[in-house]
Amino acid sequence: MQFDLLVVGGGAAGFFGAIQAATANPSLRIVILEKTQKVLTKVKVSGGGRCNVTHACHNPFELARHYPRGEKMLKLSFKEYHADHVAAWFASRGVELKTEQDGRIFPRSDDSQTIIDCFLNEAARLQIEIHRGAAVISIERNSEFSVHSADGRSWRSKRVLIAVGGYNQADAYNWIRALGHTVVPPIPSLFTFNDKERKFKELMGIAVPAGEVRIASTKFSQRGPLLITHWGLSGPAVIKLSAWAATYLHEQQYQFDARVNWTGEPDTRCRETLATAKTSRARQKIYGHPMFNLPQRLWVRLCEWSDIPEPRIWSEVSNREMNRLAEHLANTVIHVSGKTTFKEEFVTCGGVELSEVNTSSLESKLVAGLYFAGEVLNVDGETGGFNFQAAWTTAYLAAQAINNSIRAFPGEQE
């Protein structure tokens, strides 16, 4: 089976790359090879089934700062193709998007199937073939590429776009290594923290809008909303922290201490606020009037841990009790033992070493005609649509480079 372009991987980057290449040159014969019977599975479950398409960050340099790995490359890539381009692309195909208060962008339908249908319709319109159950086991490069699957099928082309990746793609990384590439072993990037002692089990569901969580004895910290779960700690601040500290936490085997500041204020300011309350709220009962906009149940729990009796009023609080309360408010220690994957965000860091890839064309520096896009690269972002944006951008740039290459050698096209 001879094609102008073989795309390995029927996910976000694979479909977008194939569609971009076919849009620029509708005469190309393109096939997407997907090892399972389902395509676009991450798109389906992302954003709780709504699909967090991208993030409303319009400055390429600011956008690149949301990527623990790949920032340097993406600063240049996002100048060519960023969130505004993505929004315009979907709009031109009748998919209306909306921006939520935190910057995340979703289809207005709040249904990921809207995005999937858009891709499938485009693929059908452009006559892109989709071969399911095509589990690639090897790629050979002679005068052209020969791609072989586990069920005995083979495909040939002078150009291949690899758009697979993730924690369960060990077989793919093996044949990528066989082509001569270095692969940084993939490890989880976005996850929540499991509380070994289950300190907050009875408080599950409580959210704090502006807290801070730090990893003890390191410089890793993040601010933002925190969510108490039945297994430990979650929320945007924790998920972002897990991305930036992914390698360190993997080395620690996910056994570490997290320090939580529920107030989001510096320790000194927290203590000053409590000292002021002792006079300004002198006759007020402590338990009944939470400070720092904390939820009632969380405030009560912190007071209990500080050994402050329930009927105590502010004027009766001892210095020792004040110090304990300040410590629990600004420096609660949680002994983390293990992690939990965050919803659909089974994102990994690791993948093809970026130094072996031309960052403007996404073509391999080692194997001519071999391109990469999406999670197969050692690029990953925070939660909030950033990983899909990296997929769209790298797929777009690879597709443009592929078409430029084909135009340079028109006699190759079948």
Protein backbone atom coordinates (compact mmCIF):
# COMPACT_ATOMS: atom_id res chain seq x y z
CA MET A 1 0.00 0.00 0.00
CA GLN A 2 1.76 3.12 -1.27
CA PHE A 3 0.99 6.55 0.23
CA ASP A 4 2.36 10.07 0.10
CA LEU A 5 2.22 10.33 3.90
CA LEU A 6 1.88 7.75 6.65
CA VAL A 7 0.63 9.08 10.00
CA VAL A 8 1.22 6.74 12.91
CA GLY A 9 -1.26 7.50 15.69
CA GLY A 10 -4.96 8.30 15.49
CA GLY A 11 -5.04 10.87 18.23
CA ALA A 12 -5.18 14.66 18.33
CA ALA A 13 -1.78 15.33 16.76
CA GLY A 14 -2.14 12.56 14.19
CA PHE A 15 -5.51 13.73 12.89
CA PHE A 16 -4.59 17.39 12.93
CA GLY A 17 -1.34 16.76 11.08
CA ALA A 18 -3.04 14.61 8.45
CA ILE A 19 -5.82 17.15 7.96
CA GLN A 20 -3.40 20.07 7.67
CA ALA A 21 -1.28 18.22 5.11
CA ALA A 22 -4.33 17.23 3.04
CA THR A 23 -5.81 20.73 3.23
CA ALA A 24 -2.62 22.23 1.80
CA ASN A 25 -2.43 19.55 -0.90
CA PRO A 26 -5.74 17.70 -1.45
CA SER A 27 -4.16 15.38 -4.01
CA LEU A 28 -2.00 13.66 -1.39
CA ARG A 29 -2.81 10.09 -0.48
CA ILE A 30 -2.66 9.99 3.31
CA VAL A 31 -3.39 7.22 5.81
CA ILE A 32 -3.70 7.35 9.59
CA LEU A 33 -2.63 4.15 11.34
CA GLU A 34 -4.28 3.59 14.75
CA LYS A 35 -3.35 0.53 16.79
CA THR A 36 -6.73 0.29 18.55
CA GLN A 37 -10.24 0.21 17.16
CA LYS A 38 -10.98 3.70 18.49
CA VAL A 39 -9.54 7.01 17.38
CA LEU A 40 -9.24 10.33 19.25
CA THR A 41 -9.75 8.63 22.63
CA LYS A 42 -8.00 11.35 24.65
CA VAL A 43 -10.04 14.00 22.90
CA LYS A 44 -13.16 12.09 23.91
CA VAL A 45 -12.44 12.07 27.65
CA SER A 46 -10.48 15.31 28.03
CA GLY A 47 -11.93 18.11 30.11
CA GLY A 48 -14.38 15.75 31.77
CA GLY A 49 -15.82 14.89 28.35
CA ARG A 50 -15.96 18.52 27.22
CA CYS A 51 -12.50 18.68 25.54
CA ASN A 52 -10.30 21.50 26.76
CA VAL A 53 -9.21 22.51 23.24
CA THR A 54 -6.61 25.14 24.19
CA HIS A 55 -5.99 28.06 26.54
CA ALA A 56 -6.66 31.77 26.04
CA CYS A 57 -3.03 32.83 26.24
CA HIS A 58 -2.31 34.95 23.19
CA ASN A 59 1.33 35.88 23.68
CA PRO A 60 3.59 33.10 22.32
CA PHE A 61 6.26 33.70 24.95
CA GLU A 62 3.76 33.74 27.81
CA LEU A 63 2.11 30.61 26.40
CA ALA A 64 5.45 28.76 26.28
CA ARG A 65 6.01 29.42 29.99
CA HIS A 66 3.29 26.90 30.80
CA TYR A 67 5.46 24.00 29.61
CA PRO A 68 7.89 22.40 32.08
CA ARG A 69 9.56 20.64 29.14
CA GLY A 70 9.78 22.13 25.65
CA GLU A 71 9.49 25.82 26.53
CA LYS A 72 12.51 26.91 24.48
CA MET A 73 11.28 25.16 21.33
CA LEU A 74 7.67 26.25 21.76
CA LYS A 75 8.54 29.94 22.07
CA LEU A 76 9.41 29.83 18.37
CA SER A 77 6.70 27.34 17.42
CA PHE A 78 3.90 29.40 18.98
CA LYS A 79 4.96 32.44 16.94
CA GLU A 80 3.89 30.42 13.90
CA TYR A 81 0.77 28.75 15.27
CA HIS A 82 -0.96 29.48 18.58
CA ALA A 83 -4.33 29.53 20.32
CA ASP A 84 -5.83 32.21 18.07
CA HIS A 85 -5.03 30.12 14.99
CA VAL A 86 -6.67 27.08 16.58
CA ALA A 87 -9.83 29.02 17.42
CA ALA A 88 -10.00 30.40 13.87
CA TRP A 89 -9.51 26.92 12.39
CA PHE A 90 -12.40 25.44 14.35
CA ALA A 91 -14.61 28.48 13.69
CA SER A 92 -14.05 28.11 9.94
CA ARG A 93 -15.43 24.58 10.24
CA GLY A 94 -18.51 25.58 12.18
CA VAL A 95 -17.25 24.71 15.66
CA GLU A 96 -17.91 27.54 18.08
CA LEU A 97 -15.61 27.77 21.08
CA LYS A 98 -16.01 29.55 24.42
CA THR A 99 -13.49 30.85 26.94
CA GLU A 100 -14.11 30.22 30.63
CA GLN A 101 -13.07 32.53 33.45
CA ASP A 102 -9.84 30.64 34.13
CA GLY A 103 -8.76 30.85 30.48
CA ARG A 104 -9.64 27.32 29.41
CA ILE A 105 -11.28 27.07 26.00
CA PHE A 106 -14.01 24.49 25.25
CA PRO A 107 -16.48 23.90 22.44
CA ARG A 108 -19.67 25.82 23.20
CA SER A 109 -21.52 22.51 23.07
CA ASP A 110 -19.55 21.34 26.15
CA ASP A 111 -19.24 18.02 24.33
CA SER A 112 -15.94 16.56 23.12
CA GLN A 113 -17.85 14.68 20.42
CA THR A 114 -18.18 18.03 18.64
CA ILE A 115 -14.41 18.11 18.18
CA ILE A 116 -14.25 14.43 17.21
CA ASP A 117 -17.00 14.85 14.62
CA CYS A 118 -15.19 17.86 13.17
CA PHE A 119 -12.00 15.81 12.69
CA LEU A 120 -13.80 12.78 11.27
CA ASN A 121 -15.80 14.92 8.86
CA GLU A 122 -12.66 16.71 7.69
CA ALA A 123 -10.81 13.42 7.24
CA ALA A 124 -13.68 12.02 5.18
CA ARG A 125 -13.97 15.18 3.08
CA LEU A 126 -10.25 15.13 2.35
CA GLN A 127 -10.32 11.37 1.65
CA ILE A 128 -7.81 10.56 4.38
CA GLU A 129 -7.81 6.82 5.00
CA ILE A 130 -8.05 5.56 8.58
CA HIS A 131 -6.76 2.06 9.27
CA ARG A 132 -7.75 0.83 12.72
CA GLY A 133 -6.19 -2.13 14.50
CA ALA A 134 -2.88 -1.22 12.87
CA ALA A 135 -0.43 -1.77 15.72
CA VAL A 136 2.89 -0.74 14.23
CA ILE A 137 5.74 -3.06 15.24
CA SER A 138 8.54 -1.75 13.03
CA ILE A 139 9.54 0.97 10.59
CA GLU A 140 12.31 0.37 8.05
CA ARG A 141 14.04 3.10 6.07
CA ASN A 142 15.67 2.33 2.73
CA SER A 143 14.79 4.34 -0.36
CA GLU A 144 11.45 4.87 1.39
CA PHE A 145 9.78 3.91 4.63
CA SER A 146 8.16 0.51 5.10
CA VAL A 147 5.80 0.38 8.09
CA HIS A 148 4.70 -3.02 9.38
CA SER A 149 1.87 -3.87 11.78
CA ALA A 150 1.35 -6.83 14.09
CA ASP A 151 -1.38 -8.30 11.87
CA GLY A 152 0.93 -8.57 8.86
CA ARG A 153 -0.08 -5.44 6.96
CA SER A 154 2.53 -3.10 5.48
CA TRP A 155 2.49 0.46 4.16
CA ARG A 156 5.08 2.40 2.16
CA SER A 157 5.83 6.10 1.86
CA LYS A 158 8.73 8.52 1.61
CA ARG A 159 7.41 10.44 4.60
CA VAL A 160 6.15 9.36 8.00
CA LEU A 161 4.62 11.49 10.76
CA ILE A 162 4.85 9.80 14.16
CA ALA A 163 2.12 11.06 16.48
CA VAL A 164 1.92 8.40 19.17
CA GLY A 165 3.14 8.77 22.73
CA GLY A 166 2.39 8.37 26.38
CA TYR A 167 2.93 5.94 29.20
CA ASN A 168 1.42 2.93 27.41
CA GLN A 169 3.43 3.29 24.20
CA ALA A 170 6.51 1.23 25.15
CA ASP A 171 6.32 -0.72 21.88
CA ALA A 172 6.29 2.49 19.84
CA TYR A 173 9.29 3.89 21.68
CA ASN A 174 11.15 0.66 20.92
CA TRP A 175 10.86 1.04 17.15
CA ILE A 176 11.58 4.77 17.44
CA ARG A 177 14.83 3.84 19.20
CA ALA A 178 15.51 1.31 16.45
CA LEU A 179 15.47 4.21 13.99
CA GLY A 180 18.37 5.73 15.96
CA HIS A 181 16.53 8.19 18.20
CA THR A 182 17.06 8.76 21.89
CA VAL A 183 13.88 8.46 23.94
CA VAL A 184 13.62 9.98 27.40
CA PRO A 185 11.68 7.33 29.38
CA PRO A 186 8.08 8.53 29.82
CA ILE A 187 6.78 9.13 33.33
CA PRO A 188 3.49 10.61 34.62
CA SER A 189 3.29 14.40 34.51
CA LEU A 190 -0.16 15.44 35.78
CA PHE A 191 -1.51 13.80 38.92
CA THR A 192 -2.90 14.42 42.41
CA PHE A 193 -1.30 13.73 45.79
CA ASN A 194 -2.37 10.86 48.04
CA ASP A 195 -2.42 11.73 51.74
CA LYS A 196 -0.83 8.83 53.61
CA GLU A 197 -2.65 9.68 56.86
CA ARG A 198 -6.00 10.64 55.27
CA LYS A 199 -6.04 13.79 57.43
CA PHE A 200 -8.86 15.39 55.48
CA LYS A 201 -10.99 12.39 54.56
CA GLU A 202 -14.08 13.83 56.28
CA LEU A 203 -13.58 17.13 54.45
CA MET A 204 -13.64 15.74 50.91
CA GLY A 205 -15.16 18.14 48.41
CA ILE A 206 -14.01 21.28 50.20
CA ALA A 207 -12.27 23.77 47.92
CA VAL A 208 -10.00 26.70 48.74
CA PRO A 209 -9.89 29.33 45.98
CA ALA A 210 -6.37 30.70 46.49
CA GLY A 211 -3.95 28.49 48.37
CA GLU A 212 -0.34 27.51 47.91
CA VAL A 213 1.28 24.09 47.97
CA ARG A 214 5.01 23.44 48.20
CA ILE A 215 7.18 20.34 48.12
CA ALA A 216 9.30 20.30 51.27
CA SER A 217 13.05 20.82 50.87
CA THR A 218 12.69 21.99 47.25
CA LYS A 219 11.88 25.16 45.34
CA PHE A 220 8.81 23.61 43.73
CA SER A 221 5.60 25.46 44.60
CA GLN A 222 2.36 26.57 42.97
CA ARG A 223 -0.47 28.90 43.91
CA GLY A 224 -4.13 28.55 42.99
CA PRO A 225 -7.32 26.65 43.86
CA LEU A 226 -6.97 23.58 46.07
CA LEU A 227 -9.44 20.72 46.40
CA ILE A 228 -9.62 18.20 49.24
CA THR A 229 -10.50 14.71 48.03
CA HIS A 230 -11.12 11.42 49.79
CA TRP A 231 -7.60 10.31 48.82
CA GLY A 232 -5.74 13.55 49.49
CA LEU A 233 -5.16 16.81 47.68
CA SER A 234 -6.06 17.95 44.17
CA GLY A 235 -7.02 21.12 42.30
CA PRO A 236 -5.18 23.29 39.74
CA ALA A 237 -2.34 24.22 42.11
CA VAL A 238 -1.53 20.56 42.82
CA ILE A 239 -1.88 19.47 39.18
CA LYS A 240 0.43 22.24 37.98
CA LEU A 241 2.91 21.43 40.73
CA SER A 242 2.95 17.77 39.70
CA ALA A 243 3.91 18.79 36.15
CA TRP A 244 6.82 21.01 37.14
CA ALA A 245 8.10 18.53 39.73
CA ALA A 246 7.34 15.37 37.73
CA THR A 247 10.92 14.15 37.41
CA TYR A 248 11.82 14.89 41.03
CA LEU A 249 8.68 13.21 42.39
CA HIS A 250 9.29 10.14 40.20
CA GLU A 251 12.80 9.91 41.65
CA GLN A 252 11.29 10.10 45.14
CA GLN A 253 8.88 7.28 44.22
CA TYR A 254 6.06 9.68 45.11
CA GLN A 255 6.97 9.62 48.82
CA PHE A 256 7.41 13.21 50.04
CA ASP A 257 6.05 15.96 52.27
CA ALA A 258 3.80 18.67 50.86
CA ARG A 259 3.35 21.91 52.77
CA VAL A 260 0.05 23.68 52.29
CA ASN A 261 -0.72 27.34 52.90
CA TRP A 262 -4.52 27.51 52.93
CA THR A 263 -4.58 31.31 53.14
CA GLY A 264 -2.40 32.03 50.12
CA GLU A 265 -0.77 34.81 52.15
CA PRO A 266 2.83 34.93 53.41
CA ASP A 267 3.37 33.43 56.86
CA THR A 268 4.19 36.81 58.42
CA ARG A 269 1.02 38.43 57.07
CA CYS A 270 -1.03 35.49 58.25
CA ARG A 271 0.32 35.96 61.79
CA GLU A 272 -0.29 39.70 61.65
CA THR A 273 -3.91 39.13 60.60
CA LEU A 274 -4.44 36.71 63.50
CA ALA A 275 -2.87 39.17 65.97
CA THR A 276 -5.22 41.90 64.74
CA ALA A 277 -8.21 39.57 65.15
CA LYS A 278 -7.37 39.10 68.82
CA THR A 279 -8.31 42.73 69.46
CA SER A 280 -10.73 43.53 66.61
CA ARG A 281 -12.76 40.33 67.26
CA ALA A 282 -12.11 40.13 70.99
CA ARG A 283 -15.60 38.89 72.05
CA GLN A 284 -16.21 36.78 68.95
CA LYS A 285 -16.13 32.99 69.10
CA ILE A 286 -13.29 31.62 67.04
CA TYR A 287 -14.99 28.50 65.66
CA GLY A 288 -18.05 30.32 64.38
CA HIS A 289 -16.32 32.94 62.26
CA PRO A 290 -13.76 31.61 59.74
CA MET A 291 -11.01 33.91 58.55
CA PHE A 292 -9.17 34.15 55.21
CA ASN A 293 -12.41 33.19 53.42
CA LEU A 294 -11.85 29.57 54.40
CA PRO A 295 -14.74 27.09 54.38
CA GLN A 296 -16.29 26.61 57.83
CA ARG A 297 -15.44 22.91 58.18
CA LEU A 298 -11.81 23.39 57.20
CA TRP A 299 -11.44 26.34 59.59
CA VAL A 300 -12.86 24.28 62.45
CA ARG A 301 -10.50 21.38 61.69
CA LEU A 302 -7.47 23.69 61.74
CA CYS A 303 -8.61 25.16 65.06
CA GLU A 304 -9.02 21.65 66.48
CA TRP A 305 -5.51 20.71 65.40
CA SER A 306 -4.29 23.87 67.13
CA ASP A 307 -5.83 22.63 70.43
CA ILE A 308 -8.16 25.61 70.64
CA PRO A 309 -11.27 24.66 72.66
CA GLU A 310 -14.60 25.11 70.85
CA PRO A 311 -16.11 27.87 73.06
CA ARG A 312 -12.93 29.99 73.07
CA ILE A 313 -13.24 33.66 72.06
CA TRP A 314 -10.42 35.61 70.45
CA SER A 315 -9.43 37.60 73.54
CA GLU A 316 -8.81 34.33 75.40
CA VAL A 317 -6.47 32.75 72.83
CA SER A 318 -3.00 32.09 74.22
CA ASN A 319 0.18 32.87 72.32
CA ARG A 320 0.86 29.15 72.03
CA GLU A 321 -2.56 28.55 70.48
CA MET A 322 -2.06 31.48 68.09
CA ASN A 323 1.28 30.09 66.94
CA ARG A 324 -0.21 26.65 66.33
CA LEU A 325 -3.12 28.09 64.38
CA ALA A 326 -0.79 30.22 62.24
CA GLU A 327 1.36 27.17 61.56
CA HIS A 328 -1.60 25.06 60.47
CA LEU A 329 -3.02 27.85 58.34
CA ALA A 330 0.22 28.62 56.48
CA ASN A 331 2.20 25.42 56.79
CA THR A 332 0.08 22.27 57.09
CA VAL A 333 2.29 19.24 56.45
CA ILE A 334 0.81 16.42 54.40
CA HIS A 335 2.79 13.20 54.15
CA VAL A 336 2.23 12.14 50.54
CA SER A 337 2.44 8.49 49.64
CA GLY A 338 1.59 7.83 46.00
CA LYS A 339 -0.35 9.63 43.31
CA THR A 340 -3.66 9.42 41.49
CA THR A 341 -4.07 10.19 37.80
CA PHE A 342 -6.05 13.36 37.33
CA LYS A 343 -9.21 12.57 35.37
CA GLU A 344 -8.34 12.48 31.68
CA GLU A 345 -4.96 14.05 32.21
CA PHE A 346 -2.87 10.93 31.75
CA VAL A 347 -0.15 13.12 30.28
CA THR A 348 3.47 12.05 30.42
CA CYS A 349 6.76 13.84 30.26
CA GLY A 350 9.50 12.15 28.28
CA GLY A 351 9.67 11.12 24.65
CA VAL A 352 11.91 11.83 21.68
CA GLU A 353 14.88 13.98 22.64
CA LEU A 354 14.31 17.47 21.23
CA SER A 355 17.96 17.97 20.30
CA GLU A 356 17.46 15.26 17.66
CA VAL A 357 14.55 17.08 16.01
CA ASN A 358 14.53 20.17 13.80
CA THR A 359 12.35 22.44 15.92
CA SER A 360 11.04 24.51 13.00
CA SER A 361 9.97 21.57 10.82
CA LEU A 362 9.64 18.76 13.42
CA GLU A 363 11.70 16.58 11.06
CA SER A 364 14.21 14.15 12.49
CA LYS A 365 17.83 15.28 12.25
CA LEU A 366 18.81 11.62 12.00
CA VAL A 367 16.32 10.17 9.51
CA ALA A 368 15.21 12.23 6.51
CA GLY A 369 11.46 12.19 5.92
CA LEU A 370 10.62 11.24 9.52
CA TYR A 371 8.54 13.78 11.45
CA PHE A 372 7.18 13.97 15.01
CA ALA A 373 4.18 15.71 16.59
CA GLY A 374 2.38 15.70 19.92
CA GLU A 375 3.15 13.68 23.01
CA VAL A 376 5.80 11.54 21.33
CA LEU A 377 8.12 14.52 21.79
CA ASN A 378 9.68 15.36 25.15
CA VAL A 379 7.22 18.22 25.55
CA ASP A 380 4.45 18.57 28.12
CA GLY A 381 2.42 21.36 29.62
CA GLU A 382 0.33 22.22 32.63
CA THR A 383 -3.32 21.27 32.80
CA GLY A 384 -5.71 23.68 31.12
CA GLY A 385 -5.55 22.97 27.38
CA PHE A 386 -1.80 23.42 27.03
CA ASN A 387 -1.04 19.85 25.97
CA PHE A 388 -3.59 19.95 23.17
CA GLN A 389 -2.16 23.27 22.03
CA ALA A 390 1.30 21.68 21.77
CA ALA A 391 -0.27 18.87 19.73
CA TRP A 392 -2.01 21.28 17.32
CA THR A 393 1.11 23.43 16.90
CA THR A 394 3.63 20.64 16.33
CA ALA A 395 1.25 18.83 13.99
CA TYR A 396 0.65 22.02 11.98
CA LEU A 397 4.36 22.78 11.63
CA ALA A 398 5.17 19.18 10.66
CA ALA A 399 2.40 19.21 8.04
CA GLN A 400 3.67 22.45 6.52
CA ALA A 401 7.21 21.07 6.35
CA ILE A 402 5.97 17.83 4.80
CA ASN A 403 4.11 19.71 2.09
CA ASN A 404 7.13 21.94 1.41
CA SER A 405 9.23 18.82 1.02
CA ILE A 406 6.75 17.24 -1.41
CA ARG A 407 6.56 20.44 -3.46
CA ALA A 408 10.35 20.39 -3.69
CA PHE A 409 10.20 16.91 -5.24
CA PRO A 410 6.95 16.83 -7.26
CA GLY A 411 7.92 13.68 -9.11
CA GLU A 412 7.70 11.64 -5.87
CA GLN A 413 3.96 12.05 -5.46
CA GLU A 414 1.96 9.01 -6.51
